[in-house]
Amino acid sequence: MIGCASNFRKVLADFESRLQGAEFVAIDTEFTGVDIEGEQDSFDDSALQRLDRHCRIAERYTLIQVGLTIVGREANGGGSEEHLTFASYNLFAFPYVGQELAGRESGFFCQASALQFNAQHNVDFNQWIKEGIPYMSREDERRLMKASRGKEASLAHEEKVGLLRMWKALCAAHLPFVVHCPLDLFFLLAAFERRPLPRHDPRALAVMIRQCTPKVYDTAHLHGAMDRFKRLGLMKFFEDAKAHYDEVVSTGNSVPRIKCILQGETAIRYGEHNDNLAHEAGFDSLKTAQLFAYLRVISPTKIKEGANRLFLYKSVEYLDLDRAVLEGQVGVCMFDLSRVTLLVAMLDPADGNDAPRLISNAGYVCKWIDSAHVLVVLRASGGAAVRKAAELAGKVHGVVSWMGFDEWREGEAAKTRNGSREDHDFDDFYPANYGEEDYGLSSSRSPNGIYGTSWIRRAVFFRGDYRLSRPVSTLGLVAAGAGLLLFVLCTRGKTELSAACARLFRRLRRR
């Protein structure tokens, strides 16, 4: 159902009628900007730094569309198949403008690339500005009521607060929220709760979220937690999850069978797959809801464990809202470092194009850090990690050096402090290319590719010259790499790997 100012009362009534008995609500938003100039997400960011950036982005830009999909359950006459119902809403949202909030009139930034992107996906900006449903935060509503001294007519008040009424109804229903990457949630908090957000107090922010919903499920975080799927872009992840579900069902597995039933206007608008509707917030919220429905069936234990954990792009951490409430600490490493070892491989610009594929084919998780480095996850520690590392170096050519993740991270932070760091923007090297392999750093809200770029295996090009001062044969590099990894892992342990590495390669370069 399309929602704008002229039909909002009807849309709100329909929305409220479906909340009772619903199982969860999936959320998607479209907005006027997605990052802050000069602040690229990086693996050397802490979770607290990333939380701060998410909040500032949500405060800096504003909503264009809000997509909500309510998921319920329908009786099927005692059959074994579960019938899930989906009702989607695509709502144009524009901040309330009025004299009552004098001195606090909403202003916001627009990012040129974000507006172009939305225009390419058929967003009607005239409809957004002229017919967008007014909204304000709870904080501004209190100011409005104070200014009118409570004498304002009920209908006039309802028209001014607009979309805030729907947000209040949603929060009062205490339903789980489902998102695909957390930025959508932060935009809703900044729009409807308060601004600025308590970004320096993780506990206060987590408590605010808990007051709106008992649980948040982030399908981007679940992607990594399940460790089964490669592609993280919303539509590709949905396709892969649906295909896996169909495969599991076809083998006679005892997983629950589900049937997705689109209701009312949702069936009319979104009943047939139409690529032109991708990035319409209502459509994306529907795909997020269906994706989550399949993931619940495929891996219910992982879903339960993934509640209140939010994905961070280009990070080995995630945001743990439960921990933030209890301890005031929000960042948690996604890997159990007692069981895995994290390495960083620096790629040879002349011979490193194939290294990520070789690492992946050898059975190791491989994630792009930037255009010159990849993160490699060894699912072993201690002596087993030594053996696996040596084995890996023997199989992979095109790696100039290996180092421990912590040491690489410290080095990047030092470069930032000294002003010597050169940021490698993936867009300088790679076009977005759906349909190939994705090694796990995809994000539907990635800063280097607004609204849906999926990082995948690509040919690699580099700035500068990282080549060794004299040619080194592939066999010699492999042997040196294997010996180096063995030596480093034995002498430095699994979390401190590269000082010796750097020294040995400097010696190799001088020869």
Protein backbone atom coordinates (compact mmCIF):
# COMPACT_ATOMS: atom_id res chain seq x y z
CA MET A 1 0.00 0.00 0.00
CA ILE A 2 1.38 3.40 -1.00
CA GLY A 3 1.07 6.00 1.75
CA CYS A 4 1.12 9.79 1.40
CA ALA A 5 -0.44 12.73 3.24
CA SER A 6 -3.75 12.55 1.37
CA ASN A 7 -4.53 8.91 2.28
CA PHE A 8 -2.60 8.53 5.52
CA ARG A 9 -5.66 8.04 7.73
CA LYS A 10 -6.75 5.07 5.60
CA VAL A 11 -3.23 3.60 5.53
CA LEU A 12 -2.82 4.00 9.29
CA ALA A 13 -6.14 2.27 9.99
CA ASP A 14 -5.14 -0.67 7.77
CA PHE A 15 -1.71 -0.85 9.39
CA GLU A 16 -3.07 -0.84 12.95
CA SER A 17 -5.63 -3.54 12.11
CA ARG A 18 -2.86 -5.94 11.10
CA LEU A 19 -0.58 -5.47 14.11
CA GLN A 20 -2.55 -7.66 16.49
CA GLY A 21 -1.36 -11.23 16.18
CA ALA A 22 1.56 -10.34 13.88
CA GLU A 23 4.89 -12.16 14.34
CA PHE A 24 7.35 -9.48 13.25
CA VAL A 25 7.73 -6.32 11.16
CA ALA A 26 10.43 -5.87 8.51
CA ILE A 27 11.77 -2.36 7.91
CA ASP A 28 13.54 -0.61 5.06
CA THR A 29 14.15 3.07 4.40
CA GLU A 30 15.40 5.30 1.61
CA PHE A 31 17.14 8.53 2.59
CA THR A 32 18.98 11.58 1.30
CA GLY A 33 22.52 10.47 2.14
CA VAL A 34 24.47 7.52 3.37
CA ASP A 35 27.91 8.58 4.59
CA ILE A 36 29.99 11.52 5.77
CA GLU A 37 32.65 12.99 3.52
CA GLY A 38 36.15 12.01 4.55
CA GLU A 39 34.99 9.25 6.92
CA GLN A 40 35.22 5.90 5.22
CA ASP A 41 34.35 2.76 7.16
CA SER A 42 37.52 0.81 7.86
CA PHE A 43 38.63 -2.31 9.67
CA ASP A 44 40.66 -0.17 12.07
CA ASP A 45 37.47 1.51 13.35
CA SER A 46 36.26 0.40 16.77
CA ALA A 47 32.62 -0.58 17.24
CA LEU A 48 32.09 2.57 19.32
CA GLN A 49 33.48 4.75 16.51
CA ARG A 50 31.17 3.05 14.03
CA LEU A 51 28.18 3.50 16.32
CA ASP A 52 28.98 7.20 16.57
CA ARG A 53 29.18 7.48 12.77
CA HIS A 54 25.86 5.68 12.23
CA CYS A 55 24.17 8.11 14.60
CA ARG A 56 25.67 11.18 12.94
CA ILE A 57 24.65 9.96 9.47
CA ALA A 58 21.06 9.42 10.65
CA GLU A 59 21.01 12.92 12.17
CA ARG A 60 22.60 14.60 9.15
CA TYR A 61 20.26 13.30 6.41
CA THR A 62 16.53 12.59 6.34
CA LEU A 63 14.00 9.98 5.28
CA ILE A 64 12.47 9.87 1.81
CA GLN A 65 10.54 6.61 2.09
CA VAL A 66 9.75 4.24 4.94
CA GLY A 67 8.96 0.63 4.05
CA LEU A 68 7.16 -1.62 6.54
CA THR A 69 6.00 -5.21 6.07
CA ILE A 70 3.81 -6.84 8.72
CA VAL A 71 4.13 -10.63 8.83
CA GLY A 72 1.38 -12.74 10.36
CA ARG A 73 0.14 -16.30 10.24
CA GLU A 74 -2.98 -17.66 8.58
CA ALA A 75 -4.77 -20.90 9.40
CA ASN A 76 -4.50 -23.50 6.63
CA GLY A 77 -7.10 -26.03 7.69
CA GLY A 78 -4.77 -28.32 9.61
CA GLY A 79 -2.31 -28.90 6.77
CA SER A 80 1.41 -29.32 7.36
CA GLU A 81 2.31 -26.16 5.46
CA GLU A 82 2.60 -22.90 7.41
CA HIS A 83 0.87 -19.95 5.76
CA LEU A 84 2.63 -16.63 6.40
CA THR A 85 0.88 -13.42 5.42
CA PHE A 86 2.70 -10.30 4.23
CA ALA A 87 1.25 -6.78 4.12
CA SER A 88 3.63 -4.08 2.89
CA TYR A 89 3.50 -0.29 3.10
CA ASN A 90 5.57 2.20 1.13
CA LEU A 91 5.31 5.58 2.87
CA PHE A 92 6.61 8.93 1.66
CA ALA A 93 7.86 10.87 4.68
CA PHE A 94 8.69 14.59 4.94
CA PRO A 95 9.51 16.51 8.14
CA TYR A 96 6.73 18.67 9.59
CA VAL A 97 7.18 22.39 8.96
CA GLY A 98 5.28 24.83 11.16
CA GLN A 99 5.56 27.96 13.29
CA GLU A 100 5.00 25.97 16.49
CA LEU A 101 8.53 24.60 16.21
CA ALA A 102 10.13 27.96 15.52
CA GLY A 103 13.88 27.72 15.92
CA ARG A 104 13.76 23.96 15.40
CA GLU A 105 12.62 23.73 11.80
CA SER A 106 14.04 20.59 10.29
CA GLY A 107 17.02 21.04 8.02
CA PHE A 108 18.96 18.25 6.40
CA PHE A 109 21.77 17.50 3.98
CA CYS A 110 21.36 15.84 0.60
CA GLN A 111 24.08 13.76 -0.99
CA ALA A 112 24.16 14.24 -4.77
CA SER A 113 24.88 10.58 -5.47
CA ALA A 114 22.06 9.47 -3.15
CA LEU A 115 19.54 11.71 -4.92
CA GLN A 116 20.73 10.46 -8.30
CA PHE A 117 20.39 6.89 -7.11
CA ASN A 118 16.83 7.45 -5.91
CA ALA A 119 15.92 9.22 -9.15
CA GLN A 120 17.28 6.26 -11.14
CA HIS A 121 14.97 4.04 -9.10
CA ASN A 122 11.92 6.13 -9.94
CA VAL A 123 11.48 8.10 -6.72
CA ASP A 124 9.10 11.01 -7.37
CA PHE A 125 10.69 13.94 -5.51
CA ASN A 126 7.67 16.18 -6.13
CA GLN A 127 5.47 13.59 -4.46
CA TRP A 128 7.95 13.32 -1.58
CA ILE A 129 7.92 17.08 -0.89
CA LYS A 130 4.27 17.87 -1.72
CA GLU A 131 2.62 14.66 -0.51
CA GLY A 132 5.11 13.31 2.01
CA ILE A 133 3.44 12.39 5.32
CA PRO A 134 4.51 14.92 7.99
CA TYR A 135 6.41 13.56 10.96
CA MET A 136 8.26 14.71 14.04
CA SER A 137 10.01 13.08 16.98
CA ARG A 138 8.41 12.37 20.34
CA GLU A 139 10.68 15.12 21.66
CA ASP A 140 9.27 17.66 19.18
CA GLU A 141 5.72 16.53 19.88
CA ARG A 142 6.23 17.44 23.52
CA ARG A 143 7.40 20.90 22.43
CA LEU A 144 4.37 21.21 20.16
CA MET A 145 1.98 20.37 22.98
CA LYS A 146 3.75 22.81 25.29
CA ALA A 147 3.49 25.59 22.69
CA SER A 148 -0.24 24.99 22.21
CA ARG A 149 -0.76 24.47 25.96
CA GLY A 150 -2.77 21.37 25.15
CA LYS A 151 -5.58 23.41 23.52
CA GLU A 152 -4.98 22.24 19.95
CA ALA A 153 -7.80 20.24 18.37
CA SER A 154 -7.14 16.53 18.26
CA LEU A 155 -7.47 16.25 14.47
CA ALA A 156 -5.10 19.17 13.84
CA HIS A 157 -2.56 17.66 16.22
CA GLU A 158 -2.78 14.25 14.53
CA GLU A 159 -2.18 15.78 11.10
CA LYS A 160 0.93 17.58 12.32
CA VAL A 161 2.58 14.62 14.05
CA GLY A 162 1.59 12.40 11.11
CA LEU A 163 3.83 9.40 10.72
CA LEU A 164 4.80 9.53 14.39
CA ARG A 165 1.37 8.00 15.10
CA MET A 166 2.26 4.92 13.06
CA TRP A 167 5.63 4.66 14.81
CA LYS A 168 3.91 4.82 18.21
CA ALA A 169 1.45 2.11 17.19
CA LEU A 170 4.33 -0.07 15.98
CA CYS A 171 6.32 0.35 19.19
CA ALA A 172 3.22 -0.28 21.34
CA ALA A 173 2.74 -3.63 19.58
CA HIS A 174 6.12 -4.85 20.95
CA LEU A 175 6.91 -6.81 17.81
CA PRO A 176 10.42 -7.86 16.73
CA PHE A 177 11.97 -5.63 14.06
CA VAL A 178 13.84 -7.13 11.10
CA VAL A 179 16.30 -4.99 9.10
CA HIS A 180 18.96 -5.62 6.48
CA CYS A 181 21.85 -3.59 7.93
CA PRO A 182 21.30 -1.31 10.94
CA LEU A 183 21.31 2.15 9.35
CA ASP A 184 17.55 1.90 8.69
CA LEU A 185 16.96 1.52 12.43
CA PHE A 186 19.15 4.51 13.29
CA PHE A 187 17.27 6.72 10.81
CA LEU A 188 13.96 5.80 12.42
CA LEU A 189 15.30 6.52 15.90
CA ALA A 190 16.57 9.95 14.81
CA ALA A 191 13.29 10.72 13.06
CA PHE A 192 10.81 9.55 15.70
CA GLU A 193 12.58 9.35 19.06
CA ARG A 194 15.09 12.11 19.58
CA ARG A 195 17.87 14.03 17.91
CA PRO A 196 20.73 14.01 18.61
CA LEU A 197 20.90 10.34 19.50
CA PRO A 198 22.87 9.33 22.62
CA ARG A 199 25.78 8.13 20.51
CA HIS A 200 28.37 8.43 23.30
CA ASP A 201 26.28 6.28 25.65
CA PRO A 202 25.74 2.79 24.19
CA ARG A 203 23.60 1.77 27.17
CA ALA A 204 21.20 4.69 26.71
CA LEU A 205 20.92 4.00 22.98
CA ALA A 206 20.31 0.28 23.53
CA VAL A 207 17.66 1.04 26.16
CA MET A 208 15.95 3.40 23.68
CA ILE A 209 15.84 0.61 21.10
CA ARG A 210 14.53 -1.87 23.67
CA GLN A 211 11.67 0.53 24.47
CA CYS A 212 10.68 0.39 20.80
CA THR A 213 11.03 -3.35 20.22
CA PRO A 214 11.92 -6.42 22.30
CA LYS A 215 14.26 -7.76 19.62
CA VAL A 216 15.98 -6.63 16.46
CA TYR A 217 17.13 -9.14 13.86
CA ASP A 218 19.65 -7.93 11.30
CA THR A 219 19.75 -10.23 8.28
CA ALA A 220 23.18 -8.86 7.34
CA HIS A 221 24.53 -10.08 10.70
CA LEU A 222 22.75 -13.41 10.25
CA HIS A 223 24.49 -13.78 6.89
CA GLY A 224 27.84 -13.95 8.65
CA ALA A 225 26.59 -15.92 11.64
CA MET A 226 25.15 -18.68 9.45
CA ASP A 227 28.37 -18.88 7.40
CA ARG A 228 26.50 -20.54 4.55
CA PHE A 229 25.82 -17.89 1.93
CA LYS A 230 28.25 -15.83 -0.15
CA ARG A 231 26.25 -12.89 -1.50
CA LEU A 232 25.04 -10.26 0.96
CA GLY A 233 23.20 -7.78 -1.26
CA LEU A 234 19.52 -8.01 -0.26
CA MET A 235 18.09 -9.44 -3.48
CA LYS A 236 20.96 -11.88 -4.03
CA PHE A 237 20.85 -13.03 -0.40
CA PHE A 238 17.10 -13.55 -0.72
CA GLU A 239 17.51 -15.58 -3.91
CA ASP A 240 20.20 -17.76 -2.34
CA ALA A 241 18.20 -18.34 0.87
CA LYS A 242 15.07 -19.24 -1.13
CA ALA A 243 17.06 -21.64 -3.31
CA HIS A 244 18.60 -23.30 -0.27
CA TYR A 245 15.19 -23.64 1.38
CA ASP A 246 13.77 -25.25 -1.78
CA GLU A 247 16.72 -27.63 -1.87
CA VAL A 248 16.28 -28.64 1.77
CA VAL A 249 12.54 -29.23 1.28
CA SER A 250 13.13 -31.29 -1.88
CA THR A 251 15.38 -33.70 0.01
CA GLY A 252 12.57 -34.60 2.39
CA ASN A 253 14.13 -32.82 5.35
CA SER A 254 11.78 -32.28 8.27
CA VAL A 255 12.04 -28.46 8.23
CA PRO A 256 8.69 -26.63 8.34
CA ARG A 257 7.13 -25.91 4.96
CA ILE A 258 6.07 -22.30 4.51
CA LYS A 259 3.91 -20.53 1.96
CA CYS A 260 4.18 -16.76 1.53
CA ILE A 261 0.81 -15.09 0.95
CA LEU A 262 0.78 -11.44 -0.11
CA GLN A 263 -2.33 -9.65 1.09
CA GLY A 264 -4.45 -6.89 -0.40
CA GLU A 265 -2.63 -4.17 -2.29
CA THR A 266 0.69 -5.88 -1.55
CA ALA A 267 -0.28 -8.70 -3.91
CA ILE A 268 -1.33 -6.22 -6.59
CA ARG A 269 1.84 -4.11 -6.48
CA TYR A 270 4.48 -6.68 -5.53
CA GLY A 271 2.88 -9.98 -6.58
CA GLU A 272 4.99 -10.40 -9.69
CA HIS A 273 8.75 -9.98 -9.50
CA ASN A 274 9.70 -6.64 -11.01
CA ASP A 275 13.33 -5.47 -10.90
CA ASN A 276 12.11 -1.89 -11.39
CA LEU A 277 10.68 -1.96 -7.85
CA ALA A 278 14.01 -2.78 -6.19
CA HIS A 279 15.01 0.02 -3.80
CA GLU A 280 11.43 1.08 -3.28
CA ALA A 281 11.30 0.92 0.50
CA GLY A 282 8.05 -1.08 0.65
CA PHE A 283 9.34 -3.67 -1.82
CA ASP A 284 12.69 -4.00 -0.05
CA SER A 285 10.94 -4.42 3.29
CA LEU A 286 8.91 -7.27 1.76
CA LYS A 287 12.05 -9.02 0.52
CA THR A 288 13.68 -8.51 3.92
CA ALA A 289 10.63 -10.12 5.56
CA GLN A 290 10.61 -13.09 3.19
CA LEU A 291 14.36 -13.54 3.57
CA PHE A 292 14.00 -13.67 7.35
CA ALA A 293 11.12 -16.15 7.06
CA TYR A 294 13.34 -18.55 5.10
CA LEU A 295 16.31 -18.07 7.43
CA ARG A 296 14.11 -18.90 10.45
CA VAL A 297 13.27 -22.25 8.88
CA ILE A 298 16.78 -23.03 7.66
CA SER A 299 18.62 -22.31 10.91
CA PRO A 300 16.34 -21.53 13.89
CA THR A 301 19.17 -21.82 16.43
CA LYS A 302 21.33 -19.23 14.64
CA ILE A 303 18.34 -16.91 14.39
CA LYS A 304 17.71 -17.16 18.12
CA GLU A 305 21.37 -16.45 18.89
CA GLY A 306 21.43 -13.51 16.45
CA ALA A 307 18.78 -11.41 18.20
CA ASN A 308 19.87 -7.82 19.03
CA ARG A 309 23.13 -8.13 17.12
CA LEU A 310 23.75 -5.57 14.37
CA PHE A 311 26.07 -5.87 11.40
CA LEU A 312 29.06 -3.57 10.87
CA TYR A 313 30.44 -3.16 7.36
CA LYS A 314 34.20 -3.73 6.99
CA SER A 315 34.63 -4.88 10.59
CA VAL A 316 35.34 -8.03 12.59
CA GLU A 317 32.95 -6.75 15.26
CA TYR A 318 29.20 -6.40 15.58
CA LEU A 319 27.00 -4.25 17.82
CA ASP A 320 25.57 -6.28 20.72
CA LEU A 321 22.57 -4.39 22.12
CA ASP A 322 22.05 -6.83 25.00
CA ARG A 323 25.63 -6.39 26.16
CA ALA A 324 25.27 -2.62 25.85
CA VAL A 325 22.26 -2.68 28.21
CA LEU A 326 23.95 -4.91 30.77
CA GLU A 327 27.57 -3.69 30.64
CA GLY A 328 27.59 -0.45 28.66
CA GLN A 329 29.93 -2.08 26.11
CA VAL A 330 28.56 -2.48 22.59
CA GLY A 331 31.29 -4.08 20.44
CA VAL A 332 31.84 -7.85 20.23
CA CYS A 333 34.22 -9.73 17.92
CA MET A 334 32.31 -11.95 15.51
CA PHE A 335 35.01 -14.62 15.79
CA ASP A 336 35.86 -16.81 18.77
CA LEU A 337 39.56 -15.95 19.00
CA SER A 338 40.22 -19.01 21.15
CA ARG A 339 39.34 -21.10 18.11
CA VAL A 340 40.34 -19.03 15.08
CA THR A 341 43.36 -17.06 13.95
CA LEU A 342 42.98 -13.87 11.89
CA LEU A 343 45.61 -13.10 9.26
CA VAL A 344 45.94 -10.22 6.81
CA ALA A 345 47.41 -10.94 3.39
CA MET A 346 49.01 -8.08 1.45
CA LEU A 347 48.54 -8.81 -2.25
CA ASP A 348 51.24 -8.55 -4.86
CA PRO A 349 50.06 -5.93 -7.39
CA ALA A 350 51.61 -7.88 -10.26
CA ASP A 351 50.55 -11.40 -9.27
CA GLY A 352 47.83 -11.04 -6.66
CA ASN A 353 44.68 -10.97 -8.79
CA ASP A 354 43.90 -14.61 -8.15
CA ALA A 355 44.94 -14.85 -4.50
CA PRO A 356 41.48 -14.26 -2.92
CA ARG A 357 39.95 -16.97 -5.11
CA LEU A 358 42.76 -19.40 -4.26
CA ILE A 359 42.33 -18.69 -0.54
CA SER A 360 38.58 -19.27 -0.80
CA ASN A 361 39.01 -22.44 -2.85
CA ALA A 362 41.40 -23.76 -0.20
CA GLY A 363 38.48 -23.68 2.22
CA TYR A 364 39.25 -20.48 4.16
CA VAL A 365 37.01 -17.49 4.77
CA CYS A 366 38.45 -14.56 2.83
CA LYS A 367 37.20 -10.97 3.18
CA TRP A 368 38.33 -7.83 1.40
CA ILE A 369 39.80 -5.19 3.71
CA ASP A 370 40.80 -2.74 1.00
CA SER A 371 42.20 -2.95 -2.51
CA ALA A 372 45.58 -4.20 -1.29
CA HIS A 373 44.69 -6.45 1.67
CA VAL A 374 42.38 -9.34 2.47
CA LEU A 375 41.41 -10.79 5.83
CA VAL A 376 41.86 -14.56 6.13
CA VAL A 377 40.18 -16.59 8.87
CA LEU A 378 42.02 -19.74 9.93
CA ARG A 379 39.64 -21.94 11.91
CA ALA A 380 42.39 -23.15 14.20
CA SER A 381 44.71 -21.90 16.92
CA GLY A 382 48.08 -22.84 18.36
CA GLY A 383 49.95 -25.61 16.55
CA ALA A 384 47.02 -26.38 14.28
CA ALA A 385 47.04 -22.77 13.09
CA VAL A 386 50.76 -23.07 12.32
CA ARG A 387 50.15 -26.09 10.12
CA LYS A 388 47.15 -24.55 8.36
CA ALA A 389 48.99 -21.31 7.72
CA ALA A 390 51.98 -23.08 6.20
CA GLU A 391 49.65 -25.21 4.09
CA LEU A 392 47.75 -22.13 2.90
CA ALA A 393 50.90 -20.21 1.95
CA GLY A 394 51.98 -23.21 -0.10
CA LYS A 395 48.76 -23.16 -2.09
CA VAL A 396 48.40 -19.42 -2.66
CA HIS A 397 50.65 -17.30 -4.83
CA GLY A 398 50.45 -13.54 -5.21
CA VAL A 399 50.76 -12.62 -1.52
CA VAL A 400 53.62 -10.29 -0.67
CA SER A 401 53.32 -10.59 3.10
CA TRP A 402 51.18 -12.06 5.88
CA MET A 403 50.56 -10.40 9.23
CA GLY A 404 48.30 -10.70 12.25
CA PHE A 405 45.07 -8.72 12.11
CA ASP A 406 45.73 -6.87 15.36
CA GLU A 407 49.13 -5.74 14.19
CA TRP A 408 47.76 -4.62 10.82
CA ARG A 409 45.00 -2.72 12.62
CA GLU A 410 47.48 -0.98 14.92
CA GLY A 411 49.59 -0.03 11.92
CA GLU A 412 46.60 1.51 10.13
CA ALA A 413 45.65 3.46 13.24
CA ALA A 414 49.21 4.76 13.49
CA LYS A 415 49.10 5.87 9.85
CA THR A 416 45.86 7.73 10.54
CA ARG A 417 47.40 9.49 13.55
CA ASN A 418 50.44 10.47 11.50
CA GLY A 419 48.38 11.57 8.52
CA SER A 420 50.18 9.15 6.20
CA ARG A 421 47.39 6.74 5.51
CA GLU A 422 46.16 6.43 1.91
CA ASP A 423 42.52 5.31 1.75
CA HIS A 424 41.82 2.89 -1.07
CA ASP A 425 38.28 3.46 -2.25
CA PHE A 426 36.93 0.33 -3.93
CA ASP A 427 35.03 2.43 -6.43
CA ASP A 428 38.39 3.55 -7.82
CA PHE A 429 39.06 -0.06 -8.75
CA TYR A 430 35.86 -2.05 -9.08
CA PRO A 431 32.43 -1.52 -10.62
CA ALA A 432 29.48 -3.09 -8.84
CA ASN A 433 28.93 -6.50 -10.38
CA TYR A 434 26.12 -8.69 -9.13
CA GLY A 435 26.00 -12.38 -9.77
CA GLU A 436 29.57 -13.43 -9.08
CA GLU A 437 31.12 -14.61 -5.86
CA ASP A 438 30.91 -12.40 -2.80
CA TYR A 439 33.42 -13.06 -0.06
CA GLY A 440 31.33 -11.58 2.69
CA LEU A 441 31.91 -7.84 2.86
CA SER A 442 28.77 -6.90 0.98
CA SER A 443 26.41 -4.32 2.34
CA SER A 444 23.17 -2.96 1.01
CA ARG A 445 24.20 0.32 2.62
CA SER A 446 27.91 0.25 1.86
CA PRO A 447 29.53 3.71 1.78
CA ASN A 448 31.46 3.07 -1.40
CA GLY A 449 28.37 2.01 -3.34
CA ILE A 450 25.21 3.64 -2.16
CA TYR A 451 22.11 1.53 -1.61
CA GLY A 452 22.92 -1.94 -2.76
CA THR A 453 26.49 -2.34 -3.96
CA SER A 454 27.67 -5.90 -3.50
CA TRP A 455 31.41 -6.44 -3.13
CA ILE A 456 32.41 -9.44 -5.16
CA ARG A 457 35.49 -11.05 -6.63
CA ARG A 458 37.06 -8.61 -9.06
CA ALA A 459 40.25 -7.99 -10.98
CA VAL A 460 42.64 -6.01 -8.80
CA PHE A 461 44.46 -2.80 -9.74
CA PHE A 462 46.62 -0.72 -7.44
CA ARG A 463 47.93 2.78 -7.00
CA GLY A 464 51.60 3.11 -6.36
CA ASP A 465 54.23 0.42 -6.76
CA TYR A 466 54.41 -2.28 -4.11
CA ARG A 467 56.65 -4.56 -6.16
CA LEU A 468 59.75 -6.18 -4.76
CA SER A 469 62.95 -4.46 -5.88
CA ARG A 470 63.95 -7.54 -7.84
CA PRO A 471 61.85 -10.24 -9.49
CA VAL A 472 60.95 -13.20 -7.29
CA SER A 473 59.70 -16.43 -8.79
CA THR A 474 56.27 -17.69 -7.84
CA LEU A 475 57.80 -20.85 -6.36
CA GLY A 476 60.25 -18.82 -4.32
CA LEU A 477 57.49 -16.55 -3.05
CA VAL A 478 55.35 -19.51 -2.04
CA ALA A 479 58.24 -21.15 -0.23
CA ALA A 480 59.18 -17.92 1.49
CA GLY A 481 55.56 -17.32 2.45
CA ALA A 482 55.10 -20.80 3.91
CA GLY A 483 58.33 -20.62 5.88
CA LEU A 484 57.54 -17.14 7.03
CA LEU A 485 54.09 -18.07 8.29
CA LEU A 486 55.47 -21.07 10.14
CA PHE A 487 58.17 -18.99 11.78
CA VAL A 488 55.83 -16.13 12.70
CA LEU A 489 53.08 -18.30 14.11
CA CYS A 490 55.55 -20.25 16.21
CA THR A 491 57.37 -17.26 17.59
CA ARG A 492 54.66 -14.64 17.99
CA GLY A 493 51.42 -16.54 18.64
CA LYS A 494 48.15 -16.28 16.83
CA THR A 495 47.36 -12.63 17.53
CA GLU A 496 50.79 -11.03 16.97
CA LEU A 497 52.11 -12.08 13.62
CA SER A 498 53.86 -9.53 11.47
CA ALA A 499 56.86 -7.69 12.92
CA ALA A 500 59.09 -10.61 12.03
CA CYS A 501 57.18 -10.88 8.75
CA ALA A 502 58.03 -7.32 7.79
CA ARG A 503 61.69 -7.72 8.71
CA LEU A 504 62.09 -10.86 6.62
CA PHE A 505 60.48 -9.28 3.58
CA ARG A 506 62.64 -6.20 3.92
CA ARG A 507 65.68 -8.49 3.84
CA LEU A 508 64.27 -10.26 0.79
CA ARG A 509 63.85 -6.95 -0.97
CA ARG A 510 67.45 -5.93 -0.28
CA ARG A 511 68.87 -9.08 -1.80
